[in-house]
Protein backbone atom coordinates (compact mmCIF):
# COMPACT_ATOMS: atom_id res chain seq x y z
CA MET A 1 145.68 96.59 175.58
CA LEU A 2 144.74 100.08 177.19
CA THR A 3 142.36 100.47 180.01
CA ILE A 4 141.70 104.04 181.63
CA GLU A 5 139.52 104.24 184.72
CA GLY A 6 138.68 107.42 186.53
CA LEU A 7 141.26 109.53 185.16
CA GLU A 8 141.86 113.07 186.54
CA ALA A 9 144.64 115.35 185.40
CA GLY A 10 145.18 118.84 184.45
CA TYR A 11 147.47 121.92 184.73
CA ARG A 12 148.66 123.89 187.78
CA GLY A 13 145.54 123.29 189.81
CA SER A 14 143.13 123.42 186.83
CA ARG A 15 141.46 120.02 186.35
CA VAL A 16 141.00 119.04 182.71
CA LEU A 17 140.18 115.46 183.07
CA ASN A 18 137.29 114.48 185.15
CA GLY A 19 137.13 110.82 185.81
CA LEU A 20 137.47 109.90 182.23
CA ASP A 21 136.97 106.02 181.37
CA LEU A 22 138.23 104.63 178.19
CA GLU A 23 139.34 101.25 176.74
CA VAL A 24 141.01 100.63 173.51
CA ALA A 25 141.05 97.00 172.51
CA GLU A 26 144.49 95.30 171.17
CA GLY A 27 144.94 95.80 167.53
CA ARG A 28 142.25 98.02 166.99
CA ILE A 29 142.33 101.70 165.81
CA ALA A 30 140.22 103.91 167.90
CA ALA A 31 139.62 107.74 167.77
CA LEU A 32 138.71 110.09 170.33
CA LEU A 33 136.52 113.17 169.07
CA GLY A 34 135.09 116.21 170.66
CA ARG A 35 135.11 119.91 170.27
CA ASN A 36 138.07 122.18 171.16
CA GLY A 37 138.92 122.49 174.87
CA MET A 38 137.40 119.16 175.90
CA GLY A 39 140.55 117.49 177.01
CA LYS A 40 141.72 115.36 174.16
CA THR A 41 145.42 116.59 173.95
CA THR A 42 145.34 116.65 177.73
CA LEU A 43 144.57 112.88 177.70
CA MET A 44 147.36 112.15 175.16
CA ARG A 45 149.88 113.99 177.30
CA ALA A 46 148.71 112.31 180.58
CA LEU A 47 149.06 108.77 179.00
CA MET A 48 152.63 109.75 177.93
CA GLY A 49 153.54 111.09 181.54
CA LEU A 50 153.82 114.60 180.21
CA VAL A 51 150.86 115.91 182.34
CA PRO A 52 150.83 114.67 186.09
CA VAL A 53 147.80 112.11 186.98
CA ALA A 54 145.89 113.42 190.01
CA ALA A 55 143.73 110.24 190.25
CA GLY A 56 142.74 107.12 188.38
CA ARG A 57 144.47 104.38 186.68
CA VAL A 58 146.10 103.76 183.21
CA VAL A 59 146.57 100.16 182.62
CA PHE A 60 148.61 99.22 179.61
CA GLN A 61 149.08 95.59 179.08
CA GLY A 62 148.17 94.63 182.66
CA ARG A 63 150.36 97.28 184.21
CA ASP A 64 149.21 100.54 185.74
CA ILE A 65 151.58 103.04 184.27
CA ALA A 66 150.05 106.27 185.66
CA GLY A 67 152.91 108.12 187.33
CA LEU A 68 155.68 106.75 185.31
CA ARG A 69 158.22 108.93 183.72
CA PRO A 70 157.76 109.49 179.76
CA TYR A 71 160.84 107.43 178.70
CA ALA A 72 159.66 104.32 180.96
CA ILE A 73 156.25 104.88 179.21
CA SER A 74 157.91 104.81 175.82
CA ASN A 75 160.25 101.81 176.61
CA LEU A 76 157.16 99.75 177.58
CA GLY A 77 155.74 100.22 174.16
CA ILE A 78 153.83 103.36 173.86
CA ALA A 79 154.70 105.88 171.17
CA TYR A 80 153.40 109.36 170.89
CA VAL A 81 153.06 111.82 168.00
CA PRO A 82 152.13 115.21 169.37
CA GLN A 83 150.04 117.95 167.67
CA GLY A 84 152.42 119.98 165.61
CA ARG A 85 154.86 116.97 164.84
CA GLU A 86 158.00 118.66 166.70
CA ILE A 87 160.49 117.20 164.34
CA PHE A 88 163.95 118.57 164.47
CA ALA A 89 163.99 121.03 161.33
CA ASP A 90 168.02 121.15 161.29
CA PHE A 91 168.34 117.58 161.30
CA THR A 92 168.14 115.21 158.13
CA VAL A 93 165.20 112.78 157.62
CA GLU A 94 167.44 109.88 158.57
CA GLU A 95 168.79 111.76 161.73
CA ASN A 96 165.27 112.40 162.79
CA LEU A 97 164.32 108.83 162.46
CA ARG A 98 167.44 107.70 164.09
CA LEU A 99 166.42 109.83 167.26
CA GLY A 100 163.26 107.50 167.54
CA LEU A 101 165.61 104.66 168.57
CA VAL A 102 167.43 106.72 171.22
CA GLY A 103 167.09 105.25 174.68
CA LYS A 104 165.28 102.15 173.54
CA PRO A 105 166.39 98.87 174.75
CA GLY A 106 169.51 97.80 172.92
CA GLY A 107 170.51 101.30 172.08
CA ALA A 108 170.40 103.07 168.79
CA GLY A 109 170.50 101.09 165.74
CA ALA A 110 169.80 101.14 161.89
CA VAL A 111 166.34 102.40 160.85
CA PRO A 112 164.11 99.56 160.22
CA SER A 113 163.59 98.93 156.51
CA ALA A 114 159.98 98.62 156.66
CA VAL A 115 159.71 102.27 157.83
CA TYR A 116 161.15 103.52 154.68
CA ARG A 117 158.76 100.98 152.66
CA HIS A 118 155.94 102.26 154.37
CA PHE A 119 156.87 105.84 153.78
CA PRO A 120 158.75 105.88 150.45
CA ILE A 121 159.06 109.69 150.15
CA LEU A 122 161.23 109.47 153.39
CA ALA A 123 163.67 107.07 151.62
CA GLU A 124 163.90 109.24 148.70
CA ARG A 125 164.71 112.19 150.85
CA ARG A 126 166.63 110.46 153.86
CA GLY A 127 169.53 113.07 153.43
CA GLN A 128 167.25 116.18 153.40
CA LYS A 129 166.95 118.68 156.28
CA ALA A 130 163.68 117.81 157.49
CA GLY A 131 162.51 121.59 157.84
CA THR A 132 162.52 121.71 154.11
CA LEU A 133 159.93 119.01 153.76
CA SER A 134 156.34 119.80 152.92
CA GLY A 135 153.83 119.70 156.00
CA GLY A 136 152.48 116.31 154.84
CA GLN A 137 155.84 114.96 154.33
CA GLN A 138 156.85 116.21 157.81
CA GLN A 139 153.67 114.67 159.31
CA GLN A 140 154.86 111.29 157.74
CA LEU A 141 158.32 111.83 159.25
CA ALA A 142 156.86 112.31 162.68
CA ILE A 143 154.62 109.11 162.58
CA ALA A 144 157.69 107.10 161.05
CA ARG A 145 159.93 108.32 164.01
CA ALA A 146 157.39 107.13 166.34
CA LEU A 147 157.24 103.66 164.60
CA VAL A 148 161.03 103.05 164.51
CA GLY A 149 160.90 101.74 167.94
CA ARG A 150 158.37 99.02 167.10
CA PRO A 151 155.67 100.51 169.64
CA ARG A 152 152.51 98.31 170.64
CA LEU A 153 150.38 101.34 171.07
CA LEU A 154 150.70 104.60 168.84
CA LEU A 155 149.02 107.87 170.15
CA LEU A 156 148.43 110.33 167.35
CA ASP A 157 147.24 113.75 168.16
CA GLU A 158 145.69 115.73 165.25
CA PRO A 159 147.64 114.06 162.42
CA SER A 160 145.78 115.76 159.48
CA GLU A 161 146.27 119.22 161.00
CA GLY A 162 147.47 121.68 158.01
CA ILE A 163 147.64 118.76 155.56
CA GLN A 164 145.91 118.83 152.09
CA PRO A 165 143.26 116.02 151.97
CA SER A 166 145.02 113.85 149.33
CA ILE A 167 147.89 113.39 151.68
CA VAL A 168 145.62 112.85 154.71
CA LEU A 169 144.01 109.93 152.86
CA GLN A 170 147.41 108.79 152.13
CA ILE A 171 148.59 108.74 155.63
CA ALA A 172 145.26 106.90 156.66
CA GLU A 173 146.28 104.11 154.33
CA ILE A 174 149.61 103.78 155.64
CA LEU A 175 148.42 103.76 159.08
CA ARG A 176 145.89 100.96 158.15
CA THR A 177 148.68 99.05 156.44
CA VAL A 178 151.06 99.18 159.45
CA ALA A 179 148.38 98.43 161.95
CA ALA A 180 147.39 95.41 159.91
CA GLU A 181 150.79 93.79 159.29
CA ASP A 182 152.14 94.60 162.85
CA GLY A 183 149.18 94.24 164.96
CA LEU A 184 149.64 97.89 165.98
CA THR A 185 147.03 99.42 168.46
CA VAL A 186 146.15 103.17 167.75
CA LEU A 187 144.53 105.63 169.60
CA LEU A 188 143.83 108.80 167.29
CA VAL A 189 142.64 112.49 168.33
CA GLU A 190 141.35 113.92 165.11
CA GLN A 191 139.14 116.59 164.06
CA ASN A 192 138.88 115.33 160.49
CA VAL A 193 136.02 113.24 160.43
CA GLU A 194 136.51 111.78 156.82
CA MET A 195 140.00 110.60 158.18
CA VAL A 196 138.32 109.09 161.22
CA LEU A 197 135.68 107.15 159.43
CA SER A 198 138.24 105.75 156.92
CA LEU A 199 140.85 104.74 159.44
CA ALA A 200 139.01 103.92 162.93
CA ALA A 201 137.04 101.08 163.96
CA ASP A 202 135.83 102.63 167.44
CA CYS A 203 134.97 106.02 168.17
CA ALA A 204 134.44 107.79 171.53
CA PHE A 205 133.25 111.47 172.25
CA ILE A 206 134.79 113.49 174.98
CA GLU A 207 132.78 116.42 176.85
CA ASN A 208 134.31 118.48 179.72
CA GLY A 209 136.95 115.75 180.28
CA ARG A 210 134.69 112.74 180.36
CA VAL A 211 133.97 110.23 177.73
CA VAL A 212 130.23 110.73 177.16
CA ALA A 213 129.40 108.23 174.10
CA ARG A 214 131.01 105.44 172.29
CA HIS A 215 129.94 104.07 168.79
CA ALA A 216 131.43 102.07 165.91
CA ALA A 217 132.75 104.20 163.20
CA ALA A 218 130.39 102.23 160.66
CA GLU A 219 127.36 103.64 162.82
CA LEU A 220 128.66 107.15 162.51
CA ALA A 221 129.16 106.69 158.79
CA ARG A 222 125.32 105.74 158.58
CA ASP A 223 124.13 108.39 161.15
CA ARG A 224 125.88 111.68 160.76
CA GLU A 225 123.30 113.24 163.30
CA ILE A 226 125.39 111.65 166.05
CA LEU A 227 128.63 113.43 164.84
CA HIS A 228 126.55 116.85 164.71
CA ARG A 229 125.31 116.05 168.32
CA TYR A 230 128.69 115.70 169.82
CA LEU A 231 130.94 118.02 167.54
CA ALA A 232 128.59 120.97 166.56
CA VAL A 233 129.50 124.16 168.37
């Protein structure tokens, strides 16, 4: 589904990713973990064309997408939920969701009923301004907005940030259900280890812009020393 080879990227001459290699199999939920400043968000932004790629390949479903514009990458079937959600506070829930359809092949249309089925709180509050939702509800809205275009790959950057634990587990359960029903592939950047272990099947650790280790989530659950090795400050 997604193969990253020798990826180099950064900001204004400052290299953040240094020959990063990563593979995410189709239909799998994979997590990328690491300490702050190691390049996790830069990777997500580079995958979406928001950070220029200096070298390497990003192959999605057999096509090298490195260097494509963000809208082109989106229309190929990749959706991105950035850290901080970036919803439109003055728009209603429904309007935010409809924005997820703008620019997609076929033009804007109705929000798929499955989205409201997976996120019932959004169905209840579809006419409410998004800025009045709780943090957890706003995160659900951001994820739902990414899903309305029926992507094949979902990129999630720190979805548990600032959300109470019970809602984090609820979001994880929704994502598991969507992935299972739709065959969705997910790449998750997350600091919340419990969310990762409850959701992901495969985990990779990043240090200084490179993937330095890969483990099955089940292995990490049995041996927490691996987590300490790569995440301890």
